[in-house]
C-alpha atoms as a PDB file:
ATOM      1  CA  MET A   1      -0.937  33.702  27.509  1.00  0.00           C
ATOM      2  CA  PRO A   2      -2.213  32.934  23.978  1.00  0.00           C
ATOM      3  CA  ASP A   3      -0.199  30.727  21.606  1.00  0.00           C
ATOM      4  CA  VAL A   4       2.017  32.876  19.335  1.00  0.00           C
ATOM      5  CA  ASP A   5       0.736  30.897  16.314  1.00  0.00           C
ATOM      6  CA  THR A   6      -2.919  31.628  17.113  1.00  0.00           C
ATOM      7  CA  ILE A   7      -4.645  34.313  15.012  1.00  0.00           C
ATOM      8  CA  ASP A   8      -7.585  36.141  16.497  1.00  0.00           C
ATOM      9  CA  ILE A   9     -10.895  35.314  14.808  1.00  0.00           C
ATOM     10  CA  ASN A  10     -11.490  39.034  14.222  1.00  0.00           C
ATOM     11  CA  ASP A  11      -8.077  39.696  12.675  1.00  0.00           C
ATOM     12  CA  PRO A  12      -8.485  41.685   9.375  1.00  0.00           C
ATOM     13  CA  ALA A  13      -6.000  39.318   7.715  1.00  0.00           C
ATOM     14  CA  LEU A  14      -8.786  36.762   7.449  1.00  0.00           C
ATOM     15  CA  GLN A  15     -10.488  39.032   4.901  1.00  0.00           C
ATOM     16  CA  GLN A  16      -7.403  38.857   2.679  1.00  0.00           C
ATOM     17  CA  GLU A  17      -6.761  35.106   2.898  1.00  0.00           C
ATOM     18  CA  MET A  18      -8.417  33.267  -0.018  1.00  0.00           C
ATOM     19  CA  VAL A  19      -9.316  29.571   0.221  1.00  0.00           C
ATOM     20  CA  GLU A  20      -9.752  27.786  -3.102  1.00  0.00           C
ATOM     21  CA  ALA A  21     -11.036  24.200  -3.324  1.00  0.00           C
ATOM     22  CA  ASP A  22     -12.982  22.084  -5.780  1.00  0.00           C
ATOM     23  CA  PRO A  23     -16.575  22.051  -4.437  1.00  0.00           C
ATOM     24  CA  GLU A  24     -17.289  18.814  -6.334  1.00  0.00           C
ATOM     25  CA  ALA A  25     -14.290  16.908  -4.983  1.00  0.00           C
ATOM     26  CA  ASN A  26     -14.482  14.429  -2.102  1.00  0.00           C
ATOM     27  CA  PHE A  27     -11.718  14.792   0.496  1.00  0.00           C
ATOM     28  CA  PHE A  28     -12.288  11.227   1.713  1.00  0.00           C
ATOM     29  CA  GLU A  29     -12.122   9.602  -1.726  1.00  0.00           C
ATOM     30  CA  ALA A  30      -8.773   8.071  -2.635  1.00  0.00           C
ATOM     31  CA  PRO A  31      -7.275   9.089  -5.997  1.00  0.00           C
ATOM     32  CA  PRO A  32      -7.516   6.617  -8.875  1.00  0.00           C
ATOM     33  CA  PRO A  33      -4.707   4.052  -8.824  1.00  0.00           C
ATOM     34  CA  PRO A  34      -1.932   4.341 -11.418  1.00  0.00           C
ATOM     35  CA  PRO A  35      -2.252   2.171 -14.544  1.00  0.00           C
ATOM     36  CA  ASP A  36      -1.138  -1.411 -13.961  1.00  0.00           C
ATOM     37  CA  ASP A  37       0.285  -2.043 -17.432  1.00  0.00           C
ATOM     38  CA  ARG A  38       3.817  -0.821 -16.655  1.00  0.00           C
ATOM     39  CA  GLU A  39       6.533  -0.889 -14.012  1.00  0.00           C
ATOM     40  CA  TYR A  40       7.122   1.995 -11.610  1.00  0.00           C
ATOM     41  CA  GLU A  41      10.081   3.400  -9.774  1.00  0.00           C
ATOM     42  CA  VAL A  42       9.126   3.996  -6.130  1.00  0.00           C
ATOM     43  CA  ARG A  43      10.672   5.541  -3.037  1.00  0.00           C
ATOM     44  CA  ILE A  44      10.112   3.288  -0.026  1.00  0.00           C
ATOM     45  CA  VAL A  45       9.078   5.020   3.204  1.00  0.00           C
ATOM     46  CA  CYS A  46       8.678   3.206   6.522  1.00  0.00           C
ATOM     47  CA  GLU A  47       7.637   5.402   9.446  1.00  0.00           C
ATOM     48  CA  GLU A  48       6.592   2.768  11.982  1.00  0.00           C
ATOM     49  CA  ALA A  49       8.334   0.002  13.883  1.00  0.00           C
ATOM     50  CA  PRO A  50       7.385  -3.453  12.599  1.00  0.00           C
ATOM     51  CA  LYS A  51       4.680  -5.480  14.287  1.00  0.00           C
ATOM     52  CA  ILE A  52       5.831  -8.783  15.758  1.00  0.00           C
ATOM     53  CA  ALA A  53       3.586 -11.833  15.854  1.00  0.00           C
ATOM     54  CA  ARG A  54       3.664 -15.617  15.759  1.00  0.00           C
ATOM     55  CA  GLN A  55       2.793 -17.591  12.664  1.00  0.00           C
ATOM     56  CA  ALA A  56      -0.461 -19.493  12.829  1.00  0.00           C
ATOM     57  CA  LYS A  57      -0.124 -23.208  12.355  1.00  0.00           C
ATOM     58  CA  LYS A  58      -2.723 -25.204  10.455  1.00  0.00           C
ATOM     59  CA  GLY A  59      -6.045 -25.000  12.284  1.00  0.00           C
ATOM     60  CA  GLU A  60      -5.050 -22.036  14.470  1.00  0.00           C
ATOM     61  CA  GLN A  61      -6.899 -18.725  14.389  1.00  0.00           C
ATOM     62  CA  LYS A  62      -5.250 -15.606  13.004  1.00  0.00           C
ATOM     63  CA  GLY A  63      -3.633 -13.653  15.837  1.00  0.00           C
ATOM     64  CA  LYS A  64      -3.492 -16.731  18.063  1.00  0.00           C
ATOM     65  CA  GLY A  65      -0.652 -18.585  16.397  1.00  0.00           C
ATOM     66  CA  THR A  66       1.957 -20.630  18.243  1.00  0.00           C
ATOM     67  CA  GLY A  67       4.446 -20.891  15.382  1.00  0.00           C
ATOM     68  CA  PRO A  68       7.745 -19.030  14.812  1.00  0.00           C
ATOM     69  CA  LEU A  69       7.943 -15.278  15.412  1.00  0.00           C
ATOM     70  CA  TYR A  70       7.972 -12.957  12.390  1.00  0.00           C
ATOM     71  CA  ALA A  71       8.139  -9.217  11.693  1.00  0.00           C
ATOM     72  CA  ASN A  72       5.703  -7.262   9.528  1.00  0.00           C
ATOM     73  CA  PHE A  73       6.713  -3.825   8.192  1.00  0.00           C
ATOM     74  CA  SER A  74       4.119  -1.348   6.869  1.00  0.00           C
ATOM     75  CA  LEU A  75       5.531   0.408   3.801  1.00  0.00           C
ATOM     76  CA  THR A  76       4.458   3.458   1.829  1.00  0.00           C
ATOM     77  CA  LEU A  77       5.760   3.417  -1.740  1.00  0.00           C
ATOM     78  CA  ARG A  78       5.874   6.875  -3.315  1.00  0.00           C
ATOM     79  CA  ILE A  79       5.745   6.661  -7.113  1.00  0.00           C
ATOM     80  CA  VAL A  80       8.500   8.537  -8.931  1.00  0.00           C
ATOM     81  CA  ALA A  81       6.933   9.688 -12.218  1.00  0.00           C
ATOM     82  CA  PRO A  82       7.581  13.375 -12.975  1.00  0.00           C
ATOM     83  CA  ASN A  83       4.926  15.068 -15.137  1.00  0.00           C
ATOM     84  CA  GLU A  84       2.494  12.174 -14.633  1.00  0.00           C
ATOM     85  CA  PRO A  85      -0.786  12.475 -12.647  1.00  0.00           C
ATOM     86  CA  TRP A  86       0.359   9.717 -10.285  1.00  0.00           C
ATOM     87  CA  ASP A  87       3.738  11.255  -9.411  1.00  0.00           C
ATOM     88  CA  ASN A  88       4.341  10.918  -5.630  1.00  0.00           C
ATOM     89  CA  GLN A  89       1.092   8.964  -5.250  1.00  0.00           C
ATOM     90  CA  PRO A  90       1.297   6.470  -2.379  1.00  0.00           C
ATOM     91  CA  VAL A  91       0.962   2.727  -2.782  1.00  0.00           C
ATOM     92  CA  PHE A  92       0.740   0.730   0.442  1.00  0.00           C
ATOM     93  CA  ASP A  93       2.406  -2.618   1.005  1.00  0.00           C
ATOM     94  CA  LYS A  94       3.470  -5.026   3.745  1.00  0.00           C
ATOM     95  CA  ALA A  95       6.890  -6.618   4.114  1.00  0.00           C
ATOM     96  CA  THR A  96       6.828  -9.735   6.257  1.00  0.00           C
ATOM     97  CA  SER A  97       9.783 -11.872   7.311  1.00  0.00           C
ATOM     98  CA  MET A  98       7.652 -15.027   7.139  1.00  0.00           C
ATOM     99  CA  VAL A  99       9.565 -17.530   4.989  1.00  0.00           C
ATOM    100  CA  MET A 100       7.369 -19.367   2.470  1.00  0.00           C
ATOM    101  CA  GLU A 101       7.987 -23.076   1.870  1.00  0.00           C
ATOM    102  CA  ASN A 102       7.445 -22.823  -1.895  1.00  0.00           C
ATOM    103  CA  SER A 103      10.087 -20.096  -2.405  1.00  0.00           C
ATOM    104  CA  GLY A 104      12.421 -20.586   0.558  1.00  0.00           C
ATOM    105  CA  THR A 105      12.432 -16.844   1.250  1.00  0.00           C
ATOM    106  CA  SER A 106      10.212 -14.017   2.498  1.00  0.00           C
ATOM    107  CA  ARG A 107       8.689 -10.891   0.994  1.00  0.00           C
ATOM    108  CA  LEU A 108      10.960  -8.789   3.231  1.00  0.00           C
ATOM    109  CA  HIS A 109      14.099 -10.575   2.012  1.00  0.00           C
ATOM    110  CA  SER A 110      13.078 -10.059  -1.634  1.00  0.00           C
ATOM    111  CA  ILE A 111      12.372  -6.338  -1.089  1.00  0.00           C
ATOM    112  CA  LEU A 112      15.765  -5.864   0.572  1.00  0.00           C
ATOM    113  CA  ARG A 113      17.384  -7.609  -2.379  1.00  0.00           C
ATOM    114  CA  ALA A 114      15.462  -5.374  -4.815  1.00  0.00           C
ATOM    115  CA  VAL A 115      16.845  -2.231  -3.124  1.00  0.00           C
ATOM    116  CA  ARG A 116      20.365  -3.716  -3.327  1.00  0.00           C
ATOM    117  CA  ALA A 117      20.732  -4.201   0.438  1.00  0.00           C
ATOM    118  CA  PRO A 118      20.181  -7.956   0.838  1.00  0.00           C
ATOM    119  CA  ALA A 119      19.963  -9.605   4.225  1.00  0.00           C
ATOM    120  CA  LEU A 120      22.244 -12.477   5.165  1.00  0.00           C
ATOM    121  CA  GLY A 121      20.964 -15.978   4.639  1.00  0.00           C
ATOM    122  CA  ARG A 122      21.025 -16.658   8.375  1.00  0.00           C
ATOM    123  CA  MET A 123      20.254 -13.952  10.957  1.00  0.00           C
ATOM    124  CA  THR A 124      18.349 -13.695  14.207  1.00  0.00           C
ATOM    125  CA  LEU A 125      15.005 -11.972  13.861  1.00  0.00           C
ATOM    126  CA  ARG A 126      16.408  -9.072  15.905  1.00  0.00           C
ATOM    127  CA  GLU A 127      19.334  -8.709  13.476  1.00  0.00           C
ATOM    128  CA  LEU A 128      17.005  -8.864  10.465  1.00  0.00           C
ATOM    129  CA  ILE A 129      14.707  -6.215  11.946  1.00  0.00           C
ATOM    130  CA  ASP A 130      17.654  -3.913  12.674  1.00  0.00           C
ATOM    131  CA  HIS A 131      19.045  -4.380   9.164  1.00  0.00           C
ATOM    132  CA  ALA A 132      15.682  -3.726   7.478  1.00  0.00           C
ATOM    133  CA  THR A 133      14.969  -0.714   9.717  1.00  0.00           C
ATOM    134  CA  ASN A 134      18.335   0.843   8.832  1.00  0.00           C
ATOM    135  CA  VAL A 135      17.791   0.215   5.111  1.00  0.00           C
ATOM    136  CA  PHE A 136      14.255   1.665   5.094  1.00  0.00           C
ATOM    137  CA  ALA A 137      15.483   4.726   7.026  1.00  0.00           C
ATOM    138  CA  THR A 138      17.421   5.738   3.890  1.00  0.00           C
ATOM    139  CA  GLU A 139      14.168   5.720   1.834  1.00  0.00           C
ATOM    140  CA  PRO A 140      15.639   3.483  -0.879  1.00  0.00           C
ATOM    141  CA  THR A 141      14.216   3.242  -4.392  1.00  0.00           C
ATOM    142  CA  ALA A 142      13.014   0.143  -6.186  1.00  0.00           C
ATOM    143  CA  PHE A 143      11.014  -0.855  -9.253  1.00  0.00           C
ATOM    144  CA  ILE A 144       7.650  -2.552  -8.850  1.00  0.00           C
ATOM    145  CA  GLU A 145       4.838  -4.107 -10.850  1.00  0.00           C
ATOM    146  CA  GLY A 146       1.247  -4.465  -9.714  1.00  0.00           C
ATOM    147  CA  GLU A 147      -2.395  -4.741 -10.634  1.00  0.00           C
ATOM    148  CA  TRP A 148      -5.721  -3.124  -9.840  1.00  0.00           C
ATOM    149  CA  GLU A 149      -7.849  -4.944  -7.329  1.00  0.00           C
ATOM    150  CA  SER A 150     -11.251  -3.941  -5.986  1.00  0.00           C
ATOM    151  CA  SER A 151     -12.621  -5.661  -2.909  1.00  0.00           C
ATOM    152  CA  ILE A 152     -15.660  -5.215  -0.681  1.00  0.00           C
ATOM    153  CA  GLU A 153     -15.953  -6.176   2.972  1.00  0.00           C
ATOM    154  CA  ALA A 154     -18.883  -8.585   3.065  1.00  0.00           C
ATOM    155  CA  PRO A 155     -18.486 -11.249   5.759  1.00  0.00           C
ATOM    156  CA  GLY A 156     -20.952 -14.065   5.277  1.00  0.00           C
ATOM    157  CA  ASN A 157     -21.257 -13.521   1.543  1.00  0.00           C
ATOM    158  CA  LYS A 158     -20.810 -16.748  -0.414  1.00  0.00           C
ATOM    159  CA  ARG A 159     -18.075 -15.096  -2.497  1.00  0.00           C
ATOM    160  CA  ALA A 160     -16.111 -13.811   0.523  1.00  0.00           C
ATOM    161  CA  ASP A 161     -12.651 -15.118   1.362  1.00  0.00           C
ATOM    162  CA  LYS A 162     -11.526 -16.200   4.845  1.00  0.00           C
ATOM    163  CA  GLY A 163     -10.981 -12.540   5.770  1.00  0.00           C
ATOM    164  CA  GLY A 164     -14.566 -11.631   4.876  1.00  0.00           C
ATOM    165  CA  TYR A 165     -13.765  -9.767   1.635  1.00  0.00           C
ATOM    166  CA  VAL A 166     -15.192 -10.258  -1.843  1.00  0.00           C
ATOM    167  CA  ARG A 167     -12.620  -9.686  -4.612  1.00  0.00           C
ATOM    168  CA  ALA A 168     -14.955  -7.959  -7.036  1.00  0.00           C
ATOM    169  CA  ARG A 169     -12.502  -7.306  -9.880  1.00  0.00           C
ATOM    170  CA  ARG A 170      -8.816  -7.717 -10.618  1.00  0.00           C
ATOM    171  CA  GLY A 171      -6.651  -6.297 -13.403  1.00  0.00           C
ATOM    172  CA  MET A 172      -7.126  -2.843 -14.976  1.00  0.00           C
ATOM    173  CA  GLN A 173      -8.213  -4.212 -18.351  1.00  0.00           C
ATOM    174  CA  ASN A 174     -11.127  -6.008 -16.679  1.00  0.00           C
ATOM    175  CA  PHE A 175     -12.638  -2.684 -15.588  1.00  0.00           C
ATOM    176  CA  VAL A 176     -14.916  -0.508 -17.729  1.00  0.00           C
ATOM    177  CA  LYS A 177     -13.109   1.602 -20.339  1.00  0.00           C
ATOM    178  CA  ASP A 178     -13.336   5.363 -19.772  1.00  0.00           C
ATOM    179  CA  ASP A 179     -11.275   7.665 -21.996  1.00  0.00           C
ATOM    180  CA  THR A 180     -11.807  10.587 -19.614  1.00  0.00           C
ATOM    181  CA  LYS A 181      -9.589   8.886 -17.008  1.00  0.00           C
ATOM    182  CA  PRO A 182      -5.759   9.126 -17.113  1.00  0.00           C
ATOM    183  CA  SER A 183      -5.523   5.325 -17.224  1.00  0.00           C
ATOM    184  CA  GLY A 184      -8.272   4.931 -19.832  1.00  0.00           C
ATOM    185  CA  TYR A 185     -10.375   2.875 -17.405  1.00  0.00           C
ATOM    186  CA  ASN A 186     -12.883   3.634 -14.657  1.00  0.00           C
ATOM    187  CA  HIS A 187     -11.274   2.410 -11.422  1.00  0.00           C
ATOM    188  CA  VAL A 188     -14.641   2.029  -9.620  1.00  0.00           C
ATOM    189  CA  TRP A 189     -16.234  -1.342 -10.301  1.00  0.00           C
ATOM    190  CA  ASP A 190     -20.010  -1.412  -9.754  1.00  0.00           C
ATOM    191  CA  ASP A 191     -20.654  -4.886  -8.393  1.00  0.00           C
ATOM    192  CA  PRO A 192     -24.231  -5.976  -9.272  1.00  0.00           C
ATOM    193  CA  GLU A 193     -24.742  -7.455  -5.809  1.00  0.00           C
ATOM    194  CA  LEU A 194     -22.636  -5.330  -3.448  1.00  0.00           C
ATOM    195  CA  GLY A 195     -22.366  -1.938  -5.146  1.00  0.00           C
ATOM    196  CA  PRO A 196     -19.364   0.327  -5.921  1.00  0.00           C
ATOM    197  CA  ALA A 197     -15.898  -1.052  -5.241  1.00  0.00           C
ATOM    198  CA  PRO A 198     -12.967   1.348  -5.923  1.00  0.00           C
ATOM    199  CA  ALA A 199      -9.793  -0.368  -7.068  1.00  0.00           C
ATOM    200  CA  LYS A 200      -6.466  -0.158  -5.287  1.00  0.00           C
ATOM    201  CA  PHE A 201      -3.025  -0.821  -6.716  1.00  0.00           C
ATOM    202  CA  ARG A 202      -1.710  -4.114  -5.309  1.00  0.00           C
ATOM    203  CA  VAL A 203       2.028  -4.758  -5.617  1.00  0.00           C
ATOM    204  CA  THR A 204       2.688  -8.098  -7.301  1.00  0.00           C
ATOM    205  CA  ASN A 205       6.458  -7.898  -7.801  1.00  0.00           C
ATOM    206  CA  TYR A 206       9.599  -6.043  -6.764  1.00  0.00           C
ATOM    207  CA  ILE A 207      11.909  -6.200  -9.760  1.00  0.00           C
ATOM    208  CA  ILE A 208      15.379  -7.494  -8.952  1.00  0.00           C
ATOM    209  CA  ARG A 209      18.019  -6.211 -11.345  1.00  0.00           C
END
């Protein structure tokens, strides 16, 4: 028996259904990032369980660490900016529970504090994961700052970092000015050696108020 939602290919309704799309647009091309000269209110969405891994000690390979366990949440930040081209545009970020020696806290702890749902100073990793999962389930809002960053995967290149990426350009004002763009800058940096490198918006701060 055919699916009730299936329409026959010869159904006359197909002659009435119009499909309108920009023939010059590229479905696979990400939209330009929002300008990085201001702060943004965002709605935090987390649709996946965190990944659990062990920290790599000095000299250990990534993914083969023997240090303490930590959690890593994948977050989608939806920009709240009515009447702006970047309203509801996604910005992607990671929230790890790995505590840094220089700050005494983790990115995850700071994000939870920014959404006014701080974690306790001492919790088991299981308790911290449960707390963060419950907070993110409410899709809390926060304010962020960030910057444009364009990178190109080029392992072996003399400019590449340990992950094999070349950071071609950083900071919106270091890109080419273009008054036809909403931000006033062309977000695609044409690297003389490696070619085009579209910028992404990298979160640099969650504002704690």
